[in-house]
């Protein structure tokens, strides 16, 4: 019955309200028990008698106070006492019926209910006043016997029914609204979570308390990331299929030519074998790149952090590309700041990053161009830049240049020089695995600069 969050919240509020009202009821009942209506009525009657007796000076000045006291005692059935100014008993209308009553010095009951006890311990409610001759007039009556059942039925129960029940009903309504205010957004989150992984899921409106709104916003962000991941996976599968389709077609076609004898000359067979070898190598490199990306994504790639001499690393890469650069008529230079300390990094992985960047620069830098590798310290980080004077990258492609399988063919005119579009994605993953970041600056016709920022860790 109370399995849902809304009903449990409402039940919690209801129990809290019942507890609060129960405490109030107990306090109220105890208060009524200590000062019930019957006590108050008796006290008011005694005050009225006292007023009547004390006004006799204005109504009948010649009438002695003792006569007025006796008359009031018989008429109102109360005990009237007269004390001297030194609080000695002068007159007691119940002297022949009750034991003597001392002059009341203090009030013993709560809420100013006056009480005095006689010599036998019997309790009397009283009212006292001072006359013009400095004597004291005391009007007393035995304390009424209280029936707890009558007190509950006459005083307490009507009060609870009239006020407590109304307050309880209003509180329960408010508690229900509060429970609904909290639970409804959470139920929407549950409904959307059950509908996942549908691509048609819409963000949930942030409602309810601040904490629930934070949860809703976090859930919406998770949905967006999940949808982006699903789209990335779909694009990934489509791109892999597309990239493998061309080399597989070439391999199948030339293999068929060898099998059916179409390639009947030695040169034709040599060409077919070369194409098959090249396309197989291309697919092999793509598979290795994909495996590398998968390991980097999963955090299982081998990253061995050791001291790395950046000048030596960059010079080694420059020497590695010397044959290709000379063949292409492109100059490759290295410039390293003197204050650059050793880095704690995986030297082989960083070499993979800068090798990829230099290889891309060589592909798209025309003869007579320059490729520059520079390293310096900027704002407490190591900055390694690879710049070229090639064709540049259009502005609309800069935001996607590190996406997997993305190729800016039309803008950079690489044609057959293009790879599978995985090199920059792998470079970005390696840099991020080192706690760094990579960015690109480029303008069409002026070349491109890839900036790699790496944290400095002095040894």
Protein backbone atom coordinates (compact mmCIF):
# COMPACT_ATOMS: atom_id res chain seq x y z
CA UNK A 1 0.00 0.00 0.00
CA UNK A 2 2.82 2.38 0.87
CA UNK A 3 5.32 1.17 -1.71
CA UNK A 4 5.55 4.35 -3.80
CA UNK A 5 7.76 7.27 -2.83
CA UNK A 6 4.80 9.65 -2.81
CA UNK A 7 2.79 7.53 -0.36
CA UNK A 8 5.80 7.00 1.87
CA UNK A 9 6.53 10.73 1.94
CA UNK A 10 2.90 11.43 2.74
CA UNK A 11 2.93 8.79 5.47
CA UNK A 12 6.10 10.29 6.94
CA UNK A 13 4.54 13.75 6.99
CA UNK A 14 1.34 12.32 8.47
CA UNK A 15 3.22 10.55 11.27
CA UNK A 16 5.15 13.73 11.98
CA UNK A 17 1.92 15.73 12.13
CA UNK A 18 0.25 13.15 14.37
CA UNK A 19 3.24 13.21 16.69
CA UNK A 20 3.27 17.01 16.88
CA UNK A 21 -0.48 17.17 17.50
CA UNK A 22 -0.19 14.39 20.08
CA UNK A 23 2.41 16.33 22.04
CA UNK A 24 0.27 19.46 21.86
CA UNK A 25 -2.77 17.48 23.02
CA UNK A 26 -0.91 16.02 26.01
CA UNK A 27 0.38 19.44 27.05
CA UNK A 28 -3.09 20.93 26.63
CA UNK A 29 -4.73 18.15 28.60
CA UNK A 30 -2.24 18.49 31.46
CA UNK A 31 -2.80 22.23 31.43
CA UNK A 32 -6.57 21.76 31.64
CA UNK A 33 -6.11 19.15 34.35
CA UNK A 34 -4.10 21.56 36.48
CA UNK A 35 -6.42 24.52 35.85
CA UNK A 36 -9.78 23.26 34.56
CA UNK A 37 -12.77 25.35 33.71
CA UNK A 38 -14.46 24.38 36.99
CA UNK A 39 -11.56 25.94 38.92
CA UNK A 40 -11.83 29.12 36.90
CA UNK A 41 -15.60 29.32 37.36
CA UNK A 42 -15.23 28.92 41.14
CA UNK A 43 -12.52 31.57 41.28
CA UNK A 44 -14.62 34.00 39.25
CA UNK A 45 -17.57 33.39 41.64
CA UNK A 46 -15.35 34.09 44.65
CA UNK A 47 -14.08 37.30 43.04
CA UNK A 48 -17.67 38.38 42.43
CA UNK A 49 -18.65 37.73 46.07
CA UNK A 50 -15.59 39.62 47.25
CA UNK A 51 -16.58 42.59 45.12
CA UNK A 52 -20.14 42.54 46.51
CA UNK A 53 -18.94 42.49 50.15
CA UNK A 54 -16.30 45.18 49.63
CA UNK A 55 -18.84 47.48 47.92
CA UNK A 56 -21.03 47.51 50.98
CA UNK A 57 -19.22 50.73 52.08
CA UNK A 58 -20.67 52.49 49.05
CA UNK A 59 -24.08 50.77 49.06
CA UNK A 60 -24.78 50.58 52.86
CA UNK A 61 -22.11 52.54 54.78
CA UNK A 62 -23.87 51.97 58.09
CA UNK A 63 -23.97 48.21 57.72
CA UNK A 64 -21.14 46.46 59.64
CA UNK A 65 -18.75 44.38 57.56
CA UNK A 66 -19.57 41.30 59.65
CA UNK A 67 -23.25 41.49 58.70
CA UNK A 68 -22.40 41.84 55.03
CA UNK A 69 -20.04 38.90 55.30
CA UNK A 70 -22.62 36.63 56.93
CA UNK A 71 -25.26 37.60 54.39
CA UNK A 72 -22.93 36.94 51.43
CA UNK A 73 -21.87 33.61 52.96
CA UNK A 74 -25.49 32.38 53.18
CA UNK A 75 -26.54 33.77 49.81
CA UNK A 76 -23.62 32.45 47.74
CA UNK A 77 -22.69 29.43 49.90
CA UNK A 78 -19.09 30.55 50.36
CA UNK A 79 -16.80 30.95 53.37
CA UNK A 80 -16.04 34.58 54.25
CA UNK A 81 -13.12 35.40 56.52
CA UNK A 82 -11.89 38.71 57.91
CA UNK A 83 -8.28 39.19 59.00
CA UNK A 84 -6.74 42.11 60.87
CA UNK A 85 -4.02 44.18 59.35
CA UNK A 86 -1.49 41.94 61.14
CA UNK A 87 -3.25 38.93 59.50
CA UNK A 88 -4.98 37.60 62.60
CA UNK A 89 -8.41 35.97 62.14
CA UNK A 90 -11.28 38.27 63.18
CA UNK A 91 -14.30 36.64 61.55
CA UNK A 92 -15.01 33.22 59.99
CA UNK A 93 -18.53 32.48 58.75
CA UNK A 94 -17.72 28.74 58.79
CA UNK A 95 -16.12 28.75 62.26
CA UNK A 96 -18.65 26.25 63.62
CA UNK A 97 -18.41 23.98 60.56
CA UNK A 98 -14.80 23.87 59.42
CA UNK A 99 -11.37 23.97 60.99
CA UNK A 100 -9.53 27.26 60.96
CA UNK A 101 -8.03 28.53 57.70
CA UNK A 102 -4.70 30.34 57.84
CA UNK A 103 -4.15 33.58 56.03
CA UNK A 104 -3.21 32.66 52.44
CA UNK A 105 0.38 33.71 51.79
CA UNK A 106 1.05 32.27 48.34
CA UNK A 107 -0.55 30.74 45.28
CA UNK A 108 0.16 27.06 44.90
CA UNK A 109 -1.46 26.19 41.57
CA UNK A 110 -0.26 27.12 38.12
CA UNK A 111 -1.83 29.85 36.00
CA UNK A 112 -2.51 32.02 39.08
CA UNK A 113 -5.18 29.72 40.53
CA UNK A 114 -5.18 30.65 44.27
CA UNK A 115 -5.16 27.72 46.69
CA UNK A 116 -4.79 27.48 50.45
CA UNK A 117 -5.02 24.46 52.77
CA UNK A 118 -6.65 24.33 56.21
CA UNK A 119 -5.23 22.59 59.27
CA UNK A 120 -6.54 19.22 58.08
CA UNK A 121 -4.92 19.63 54.64
CA UNK A 122 -8.15 20.27 52.77
CA UNK A 123 -7.70 22.57 49.78
CA UNK A 124 -9.66 25.83 49.37
CA UNK A 125 -9.86 28.19 46.46
CA UNK A 126 -9.97 31.79 47.59
CA UNK A 127 -10.09 35.43 46.63
CA UNK A 128 -8.61 38.13 48.82
CA UNK A 129 -8.91 41.89 49.01
CA UNK A 130 -7.81 44.72 51.28
CA UNK A 131 -10.42 46.96 52.92
CA UNK A 132 -10.16 50.65 53.59
CA UNK A 133 -9.25 50.07 57.26
CA UNK A 134 -6.30 47.87 56.19
CA UNK A 135 -8.06 44.67 57.18
CA UNK A 136 -8.17 41.71 54.76
CA UNK A 137 -11.27 40.12 53.31
CA UNK A 138 -10.94 36.52 52.15
CA UNK A 139 -13.70 34.65 50.32
CA UNK A 140 -13.05 30.88 50.08
CA UNK A 141 -14.70 27.77 48.76
CA UNK A 142 -13.64 24.11 48.86
CA UNK A 143 -11.70 23.08 45.78
CA UNK A 144 -14.11 21.27 43.44
CA UNK A 145 -13.56 17.59 42.84
CA UNK A 146 -12.48 16.97 39.26
CA UNK A 147 -13.52 13.99 37.18
CA UNK A 148 -10.91 13.28 34.51
CA UNK A 149 -13.64 11.77 32.33
CA UNK A 150 -15.75 14.90 32.63
CA UNK A 151 -12.73 17.11 32.07
CA UNK A 152 -11.86 15.19 28.93
CA UNK A 153 -15.43 15.18 27.63
CA UNK A 154 -16.38 18.73 28.60
CA UNK A 155 -13.18 20.68 28.12
CA UNK A 156 -10.63 18.76 26.13
CA UNK A 157 -12.58 16.79 23.53
CA UNK A 158 -14.57 19.73 22.10
CA UNK A 159 -11.37 21.76 21.81
CA UNK A 160 -9.61 18.96 19.95
CA UNK A 161 -12.55 18.35 17.65
CA UNK A 162 -12.96 22.02 16.83
CA UNK A 163 -9.34 23.00 16.31
CA UNK A 164 -7.13 19.91 16.24
CA UNK A 165 -9.15 18.02 13.66
CA UNK A 166 -9.27 20.99 11.30
CA UNK A 167 -5.53 21.55 11.73
CA UNK A 168 -4.90 17.85 11.12
CA UNK A 169 -6.91 17.78 7.90
CA UNK A 170 -5.25 20.93 6.57
CA UNK A 171 -1.82 19.58 7.50
CA UNK A 172 -2.48 16.29 5.71
CA UNK A 173 -3.57 18.14 2.58
CA UNK A 174 -0.43 20.26 2.68
CA UNK A 175 1.65 17.14 3.33
CA UNK A 176 0.10 15.46 0.29
CA UNK A 177 0.92 18.47 -1.89
CA UNK A 178 4.49 18.51 -0.61
CA UNK A 179 4.87 14.78 -1.24
CA UNK A 180 3.51 15.21 -4.75
CA UNK A 181 5.82 18.19 -5.34
CA UNK A 182 8.81 16.02 -4.49
CA UNK A 183 7.71 12.69 -5.97
CA UNK A 184 6.25 13.74 -9.34
CA UNK A 185 9.59 14.88 -10.86
CA UNK A 186 11.22 11.69 -9.60
CA UNK A 187 8.48 9.58 -11.18
CA UNK A 188 9.14 11.38 -14.48
CA UNK A 189 12.82 10.46 -14.14
CA UNK A 190 11.82 6.83 -13.53
CA UNK A 191 9.50 6.84 -16.57
CA UNK A 192 12.21 8.27 -18.83
CA UNK A 193 14.80 5.84 -17.44
CA UNK A 194 12.49 2.92 -18.26
CA UNK A 195 12.08 4.23 -21.81
CA UNK A 196 15.83 4.34 -22.41
CA UNK A 197 17.72 3.87 -24.70
CA UNK A 198 15.16 5.39 -27.05
CA UNK A 199 16.55 8.17 -29.25
CA UNK A 200 13.28 10.12 -28.91
CA UNK A 201 13.72 10.84 -25.19
CA UNK A 202 13.29 14.53 -24.38
CA UNK A 203 14.89 16.38 -21.45
CA UNK A 204 12.83 16.48 -18.25
CA UNK A 205 11.68 19.83 -16.93
CA UNK A 206 13.41 20.74 -13.66
CA UNK A 207 10.73 20.94 -10.96
CA UNK A 208 10.44 20.32 -7.24
CA UNK A 209 12.98 21.05 -4.48
CA UNK A 210 16.51 22.20 -5.26
CA UNK A 211 17.97 18.72 -4.74
CA UNK A 212 15.40 17.13 -7.08
CA UNK A 213 16.11 19.81 -9.69
CA UNK A 214 19.82 19.05 -9.43
CA UNK A 215 19.06 15.35 -9.91
CA UNK A 216 16.88 16.14 -12.94
CA UNK A 217 19.57 18.30 -14.52
CA UNK A 218 22.19 15.60 -13.91
CA UNK A 219 19.83 13.00 -15.42
CA UNK A 220 19.23 15.22 -18.49
CA UNK A 221 22.97 15.61 -18.89
CA UNK A 222 23.39 11.85 -18.67
CA UNK A 223 20.71 11.38 -21.35
CA UNK A 224 22.49 13.81 -23.65
CA UNK A 225 25.80 12.04 -23.14
CA UNK A 226 24.16 8.67 -23.72
CA UNK A 227 22.48 9.85 -26.92
CA UNK A 228 25.74 11.39 -28.10
CA UNK A 229 27.53 8.13 -27.29
CA UNK A 230 24.93 6.12 -29.21
CA UNK A 231 25.26 8.44 -32.18
CA UNK A 232 29.05 8.17 -31.95
CA UNK A 233 28.81 4.38 -31.90
CA UNK A 234 26.51 4.36 -34.92
CA UNK A 235 28.81 6.75 -36.78
CA UNK A 236 31.80 4.68 -35.70
CA UNK A 237 30.33 1.47 -37.11
CA UNK A 238 29.30 3.24 -40.30
CA UNK A 239 32.75 4.82 -40.73
CA UNK A 240 34.58 1.56 -40.07
CA UNK A 241 32.37 -0.22 -42.58
CA UNK A 242 32.99 2.53 -45.12
CA UNK A 243 36.76 2.57 -44.57
CA UNK A 244 37.02 -1.21 -44.85
CA UNK A 245 34.75 -1.48 -47.86
CA UNK A 246 37.17 0.10 -50.36
CA UNK A 247 40.30 -1.92 -49.52
CA UNK A 248 38.27 -5.13 -49.23
CA UNK A 249 36.78 -4.49 -52.67
CA UNK A 250 40.24 -3.91 -54.12
CA UNK A 251 41.65 -7.03 -52.46
CA UNK A 252 38.70 -9.12 -53.66
CA UNK A 253 38.91 -7.76 -57.22
CA UNK A 254 42.62 -8.30 -57.72
CA UNK A 255 42.50 -11.69 -56.01
CA UNK A 256 39.73 -12.68 -58.43
CA UNK A 257 41.92 -11.48 -61.31
CA UNK A 258 44.71 -13.74 -60.14
CA UNK A 259 42.37 -16.70 -59.71
CA UNK A 260 40.56 -16.49 -63.05
CA UNK A 261 43.69 -15.74 -65.06
CA UNK A 262 42.71 -12.19 -66.05
CA UNK A 263 46.10 -11.01 -64.82
CA UNK A 264 47.91 -13.18 -67.38
CA UNK A 265 51.20 -11.31 -67.58
CA UNK A 266 53.94 -11.09 -65.00
CA UNK A 267 53.51 -7.33 -64.70
CA UNK A 268 49.75 -7.67 -64.18
CA UNK A 269 50.23 -10.31 -61.50
CA UNK A 270 52.87 -8.13 -59.84
CA UNK A 271 50.49 -5.16 -59.84
CA UNK A 272 47.66 -7.23 -58.41
CA UNK A 273 49.87 -8.62 -55.66
CA UNK A 274 51.15 -5.13 -54.84
CA UNK A 275 47.63 -3.73 -54.56
CA UNK A 276 46.56 -6.61 -52.33
CA UNK A 277 49.64 -6.09 -50.16
CA UNK A 278 49.08 -2.33 -49.88
CA UNK A 279 45.39 -2.62 -49.08
CA UNK A 280 46.05 -5.38 -46.53
CA UNK A 281 48.64 -3.15 -44.88
CA UNK A 282 46.15 -0.28 -44.82
CA UNK A 283 43.51 -2.46 -43.15
CA UNK A 284 46.12 -3.78 -40.71
CA UNK A 285 47.10 -0.26 -39.70
CA UNK A 286 43.44 0.69 -39.28
CA UNK A 287 42.76 -2.31 -37.06
CA UNK A 288 45.81 -1.48 -34.93
CA UNK A 289 44.62 2.11 -34.60
CA UNK A 290 41.16 0.96 -33.59
CA UNK A 291 42.60 -1.40 -30.99
CA UNK A 292 44.79 1.41 -29.69
CA UNK A 293 41.78 3.72 -29.41
CA UNK A 294 39.75 1.05 -27.63
CA UNK A 295 42.53 0.55 -25.06
CA UNK A 296 42.88 4.30 -24.52
CA UNK A 297 39.12 4.67 -24.09
CA UNK A 298 39.03 1.82 -21.58
CA UNK A 299 42.08 3.10 -19.72
CA UNK A 300 43.93 -0.18 -20.30
CA UNK A 301 46.58 1.16 -22.67
CA UNK A 302 50.16 0.78 -21.49
CA UNK A 303 51.30 4.21 -20.24
CA UNK A 304 54.72 4.06 -18.62
CA UNK A 305 55.62 7.31 -16.91
CA UNK A 306 59.37 7.95 -17.01
CA UNK A 307 61.61 11.02 -17.35
CA UNK A 308 61.50 12.28 -20.94
CA UNK A 309 64.09 14.57 -22.51
CA UNK A 310 61.90 16.63 -24.83
CA UNK A 311 64.73 18.13 -26.94
CA UNK A 312 66.11 14.66 -27.66
CA UNK A 313 62.63 13.35 -28.48
CA UNK A 314 61.84 16.14 -30.94
CA UNK A 315 65.25 15.93 -32.63
CA UNK A 316 64.78 12.17 -33.05
CA UNK A 317 61.43 12.75 -34.76
CA UNK A 318 63.00 15.37 -37.02
CA UNK A 319 65.74 12.92 -38.05
CA UNK A 320 63.14 10.21 -38.62
CA UNK A 321 61.36 12.34 -41.24
CA UNK A 322 64.54 13.61 -42.92
CA UNK A 323 64.19 11.34 -46.01
CA UNK A 324 60.52 12.21 -46.54
CA UNK A 325 61.07 15.93 -45.99
CA UNK A 326 64.00 16.06 -48.39
CA UNK A 327 62.00 14.17 -50.99
CA UNK A 328 59.08 16.58 -50.60
CA UNK A 329 61.29 19.66 -50.55
CA UNK A 330 60.07 20.68 -47.09
CA UNK A 331 62.33 21.94 -44.30
CA UNK A 332 61.78 20.55 -40.78
CA UNK A 333 63.28 22.48 -37.84
CA UNK A 334 63.35 22.06 -34.04
CA UNK A 335 63.51 24.86 -31.45
CA UNK A 336 63.48 24.09 -27.72
CA UNK A 337 63.62 26.63 -24.88
CA UNK A 338 66.65 26.32 -22.60
CA UNK A 339 64.55 26.36 -19.41
CA UNK A 340 62.43 23.35 -20.42
CA UNK A 341 62.86 20.65 -17.74
CA UNK A 342 62.46 16.92 -18.22
CA UNK A 343 58.85 15.71 -18.27
CA UNK A 344 57.42 12.68 -16.53
CA UNK A 345 55.60 10.97 -19.39
CA UNK A 346 55.53 7.97 -21.71
CA UNK A 347 58.18 8.83 -24.28
CA UNK A 348 56.97 6.27 -26.83
CA UNK A 349 53.40 7.55 -26.67
CA UNK A 350 54.49 11.19 -26.99
CA UNK A 351 56.66 10.19 -29.96
CA UNK A 352 53.53 8.64 -31.48
CA UNK A 353 51.67 11.95 -31.04
CA UNK A 354 54.34 14.17 -32.60
CA UNK A 355 55.10 11.63 -35.33
CA UNK A 356 51.43 11.76 -36.34
CA UNK A 357 51.40 15.57 -36.30
CA UNK A 358 54.60 15.85 -38.39
CA UNK A 359 53.37 13.17 -40.81
CA UNK A 360 50.10 15.10 -41.36
CA UNK A 361 52.05 18.33 -41.82
CA UNK A 362 54.25 16.71 -44.48
CA UNK A 363 51.19 15.46 -46.36
CA UNK A 364 49.70 18.92 -46.73
CA UNK A 365 52.74 21.20 -46.94
CA UNK A 366 53.86 21.97 -50.53
CA UNK A 367 57.47 21.97 -51.71
CA UNK A 368 59.42 24.89 -50.30
CA UNK A 369 57.36 24.92 -47.13
CA UNK A 370 58.53 24.76 -43.53
CA UNK A 371 57.51 22.55 -40.61
CA UNK A 372 58.56 23.80 -37.16
CA UNK A 373 58.67 21.87 -33.90
CA UNK A 374 59.01 24.10 -30.81
CA UNK A 375 58.91 23.45 -27.06
CA UNK A 376 58.69 25.98 -24.23
CA UNK A 377 57.24 26.59 -20.78
CA UNK A 378 53.99 28.59 -20.70
CA UNK A 379 52.07 29.28 -17.47
CA UNK A 380 53.64 26.35 -15.66
CA UNK A 381 52.98 23.89 -18.50
CA UNK A 382 55.11 22.46 -21.26
CA UNK A 383 53.92 23.65 -24.67
CA UNK A 384 55.00 21.67 -27.74
CA UNK A 385 53.83 23.13 -31.06
CA UNK A 386 53.97 21.63 -34.54
CA UNK A 387 53.49 24.31 -37.22
CA UNK A 388 53.40 24.08 -40.99
CA UNK A 389 53.00 26.45 -43.93
CA UNK A 390 50.53 24.22 -45.72
CA UNK A 391 47.05 24.77 -47.06
CA UNK A 392 45.42 25.26 -43.66
CA UNK A 393 42.12 24.02 -42.27
CA UNK A 394 38.75 25.77 -42.81
CA UNK A 395 37.08 27.22 -39.72
CA UNK A 396 34.08 24.88 -39.96
CA UNK A 397 36.39 21.86 -39.76
CA UNK A 398 38.39 22.96 -36.72
CA UNK A 399 35.70 21.84 -34.27
CA UNK A 400 35.72 18.30 -35.73
CA UNK A 401 39.38 17.82 -36.58
CA UNK A 402 39.91 15.46 -33.62
CA UNK A 403 36.76 13.41 -34.32
CA UNK A 404 37.31 9.83 -35.34
CA UNK A 405 37.28 9.20 -39.10
CA UNK A 406 36.85 12.92 -39.77
CA UNK A 407 38.67 14.10 -42.89
CA UNK A 408 38.71 17.61 -44.27
CA UNK A 409 39.32 16.39 -47.83
CA UNK A 410 37.97 19.33 -49.74
CA UNK A 411 39.78 21.95 -47.69
CA UNK A 412 43.22 20.34 -47.52
CA UNK A 413 43.33 18.63 -50.89
CA UNK A 414 45.27 15.65 -49.69
CA UNK A 415 43.52 13.20 -51.99
CA UNK A 416 45.17 9.84 -51.74
CA UNK A 417 47.38 11.06 -48.96
CA UNK A 418 44.53 10.83 -46.47
CA UNK A 419 44.51 8.08 -43.89
CA UNK A 420 41.51 6.68 -42.05
CA UNK A 421 41.10 9.81 -39.91
CA UNK A 422 42.15 8.12 -36.66
CA UNK A 423 45.58 9.64 -36.10
CA UNK A 424 44.46 12.90 -34.49
CA UNK A 425 41.85 11.10 -32.38
CA UNK A 426 44.58 8.79 -31.03
CA UNK A 427 46.87 11.77 -30.42
CA UNK A 428 44.17 13.51 -28.42
CA UNK A 429 43.52 10.40 -26.30
CA UNK A 430 47.25 10.02 -25.55
CA UNK A 431 47.63 13.68 -24.55
CA UNK A 432 44.56 13.49 -22.29
CA UNK A 433 45.93 10.29 -20.71
CA UNK A 434 48.94 12.41 -19.68
CA UNK A 435 46.67 15.02 -18.09
CA UNK A 436 47.24 17.47 -20.93
CA UNK A 437 45.27 18.93 -23.81
CA UNK A 438 45.71 19.50 -27.53
CA UNK A 439 44.35 22.25 -29.74
CA UNK A 440 44.71 23.59 -33.26
CA UNK A 441 45.02 27.03 -34.82
CA UNK A 442 44.71 27.38 -38.57
CA UNK A 443 43.87 29.77 -41.42
CA UNK A 444 43.32 28.78 -45.02
CA UNK A 445 46.37 29.36 -47.17
CA UNK A 446 48.59 30.20 -44.17
CA UNK A 447 49.11 26.82 -42.54
CA UNK A 448 48.20 25.17 -39.23
CA UNK A 449 49.63 24.93 -35.72
CA UNK A 450 48.88 22.08 -33.32
CA UNK A 451 49.55 22.99 -29.68
CA UNK A 452 50.13 20.23 -27.13
CA UNK A 453 50.04 21.29 -23.45
CA UNK A 454 51.53 18.84 -20.95
CA UNK A 455 51.83 19.19 -17.15
CA UNK A 456 55.32 19.80 -15.81
CA UNK A 457 56.49 17.34 -13.19
CA UNK A 458 60.00 18.13 -12.02
CA UNK A 459 62.08 15.20 -10.82
